């Protein structure tokens, strides 16, 4: 399990990422985020299926959010030490680091991809 904290002007955000194998040996990811504002706290959770896909170099991963319409929630993650990691989600494209990349790194580190 991987836990990260960051503070913005509006809140403190704690993100916990867990990865594992289902009984059918497919890889899953779980992201829990606790957003603490001055007056309230919000918890969000997201479940993902991670599938390794072909890539010309590095490691390609298809990240699909579960329990959502598939057209909105499929991202492609590319892990590469030389070129850097990338994701097709909005946060990955514009800000660099996102939950999808971190989740795939953790799954790779644990030998699940």
Protein backbone atom coordinates (compact mmCIF):
# COMPACT_ATOMS: atom_id res chain seq x y z
CA UNK A 1 0.00 0.00 0.00
CA UNK A 2 1.26 3.45 -0.93
CA UNK A 3 0.18 6.60 0.95
CA UNK A 4 0.87 10.16 -0.19
CA UNK A 5 -0.08 13.51 1.29
CA UNK A 6 -0.21 16.94 -0.28
CA UNK A 7 -1.54 20.30 0.78
CA UNK A 8 -3.28 22.81 -1.45
CA UNK A 9 -4.64 26.24 -0.58
CA UNK A 10 -8.09 24.77 0.03
CA UNK A 11 -7.40 21.39 1.65
CA UNK A 12 -5.06 18.64 2.77
CA UNK A 13 -5.36 15.54 0.60
CA UNK A 14 -4.28 12.06 1.65
CA UNK A 15 -4.18 9.48 -1.13
CA UNK A 16 -3.82 5.75 -0.48
CA UNK A 17 -3.20 3.37 -3.36
CA UNK A 18 -3.56 -0.40 -3.06
CA UNK A 19 -3.03 -2.99 -5.79
CA UNK A 20 -3.57 -6.73 -5.88
CA UNK A 21 -4.77 -9.78 -7.77
CA UNK A 22 -8.34 -10.99 -8.04
CA UNK A 23 -9.24 -14.66 -7.94
CA UNK A 24 -9.18 -14.74 -11.78
CA UNK A 25 -5.58 -13.38 -11.58
CA UNK A 26 -6.45 -10.01 -13.09
CA UNK A 27 -4.78 -6.99 -11.51
CA UNK A 28 -6.85 -4.36 -9.72
CA UNK A 29 -6.12 -0.99 -8.21
CA UNK A 30 -7.93 0.93 -5.49
CA UNK A 31 -7.47 4.65 -4.81
CA UNK A 32 -8.83 6.21 -1.63
CA UNK A 33 -8.62 9.96 -1.19
CA UNK A 34 -9.48 11.90 1.95
CA UNK A 35 -9.88 15.63 1.38
CA UNK A 36 -9.83 17.64 4.61
CA UNK A 37 -11.15 21.17 4.39
CA UNK A 38 -11.63 23.56 7.27
CA UNK A 39 -15.25 22.60 7.91
CA UNK A 40 -15.70 19.15 6.37
CA UNK A 41 -14.01 15.99 5.19
CA UNK A 42 -14.72 14.07 1.99
CA UNK A 43 -13.79 10.49 1.14
CA UNK A 44 -13.70 9.23 -2.44
CA UNK A 45 -12.81 5.77 -3.67
CA UNK A 46 -12.15 4.50 -7.17
CA UNK A 47 -11.64 0.93 -8.40
CA UNK A 48 -9.61 0.15 -11.52
CA UNK A 49 -8.67 -2.84 -13.64
CA UNK A 50 -5.05 -2.81 -14.86
CA UNK A 51 -4.06 -4.71 -18.01
CA UNK A 52 -0.61 -4.77 -19.53
CA UNK A 53 -0.69 -3.92 -23.24
CA UNK A 54 1.87 -3.95 -26.03
CA UNK A 55 4.19 -0.98 -26.32
CA UNK A 56 7.10 -0.36 -28.72
CA UNK A 57 9.29 0.42 -25.70
CA UNK A 58 8.76 0.66 -21.98
CA UNK A 59 5.61 -0.80 -20.42
CA UNK A 60 2.07 -0.03 -21.56
CA UNK A 61 -0.91 -0.40 -19.22
CA UNK A 62 -4.62 -0.01 -19.94
CA UNK A 63 -6.32 1.45 -16.85
CA UNK A 64 -10.10 1.10 -16.82
CA UNK A 65 -12.28 2.51 -14.07
CA UNK A 66 -14.87 0.04 -12.85
CA UNK A 67 -18.56 0.72 -12.30
CA UNK A 68 -18.57 3.55 -14.87
CA UNK A 69 -19.43 3.83 -18.57
CA UNK A 70 -16.28 2.70 -20.40
CA UNK A 71 -16.22 5.60 -22.86
CA UNK A 72 -15.29 8.07 -20.11
CA UNK A 73 -12.89 6.15 -17.93
CA UNK A 74 -10.18 4.37 -19.92
CA UNK A 75 -6.63 5.69 -19.70
CA UNK A 76 -3.37 4.54 -21.23
CA UNK A 77 -0.29 4.65 -19.02
CA UNK A 78 3.24 4.36 -20.36
CA UNK A 79 6.05 3.58 -17.93
CA UNK A 80 9.56 4.29 -19.18
CA UNK A 81 12.63 5.13 -17.08
CA UNK A 82 14.44 6.96 -19.89
CA UNK A 83 11.58 9.04 -21.33
CA UNK A 84 9.56 9.39 -18.15
CA UNK A 85 6.13 8.05 -17.28
CA UNK A 86 2.95 9.38 -18.87
CA UNK A 87 -0.82 8.98 -18.76
CA UNK A 88 -3.59 10.07 -21.12
CA UNK A 89 -5.80 11.43 -18.32
CA UNK A 90 -6.16 15.19 -17.87
CA UNK A 91 -3.93 15.30 -14.77
CA UNK A 92 -1.28 13.16 -16.46
CA UNK A 93 -1.21 15.26 -19.62
CA UNK A 94 -1.22 18.70 -18.01
CA UNK A 95 0.35 18.21 -14.57
CA UNK A 96 2.69 15.24 -15.03
CA UNK A 97 1.87 12.96 -12.09
CA UNK A 98 -1.48 11.27 -11.57
CA UNK A 99 -3.04 8.43 -9.61
CA UNK A 100 -2.97 6.14 -12.64
CA UNK A 101 0.81 6.34 -13.06
CA UNK A 102 1.38 5.87 -9.33
CA UNK A 103 -0.97 2.86 -9.28
CA UNK A 104 0.80 1.23 -12.25
CA UNK A 105 4.24 1.87 -10.71
CA UNK A 106 3.09 0.19 -7.49
CA UNK A 107 1.65 -2.81 -9.38
CA UNK A 108 4.90 -3.16 -11.36
CA UNK A 109 6.99 -2.85 -8.18
CA UNK A 110 4.97 -5.70 -6.64
CA UNK A 111 5.32 -7.87 -9.77
CA UNK A 112 1.62 -7.73 -10.65
CA UNK A 113 2.04 -6.38 -14.20
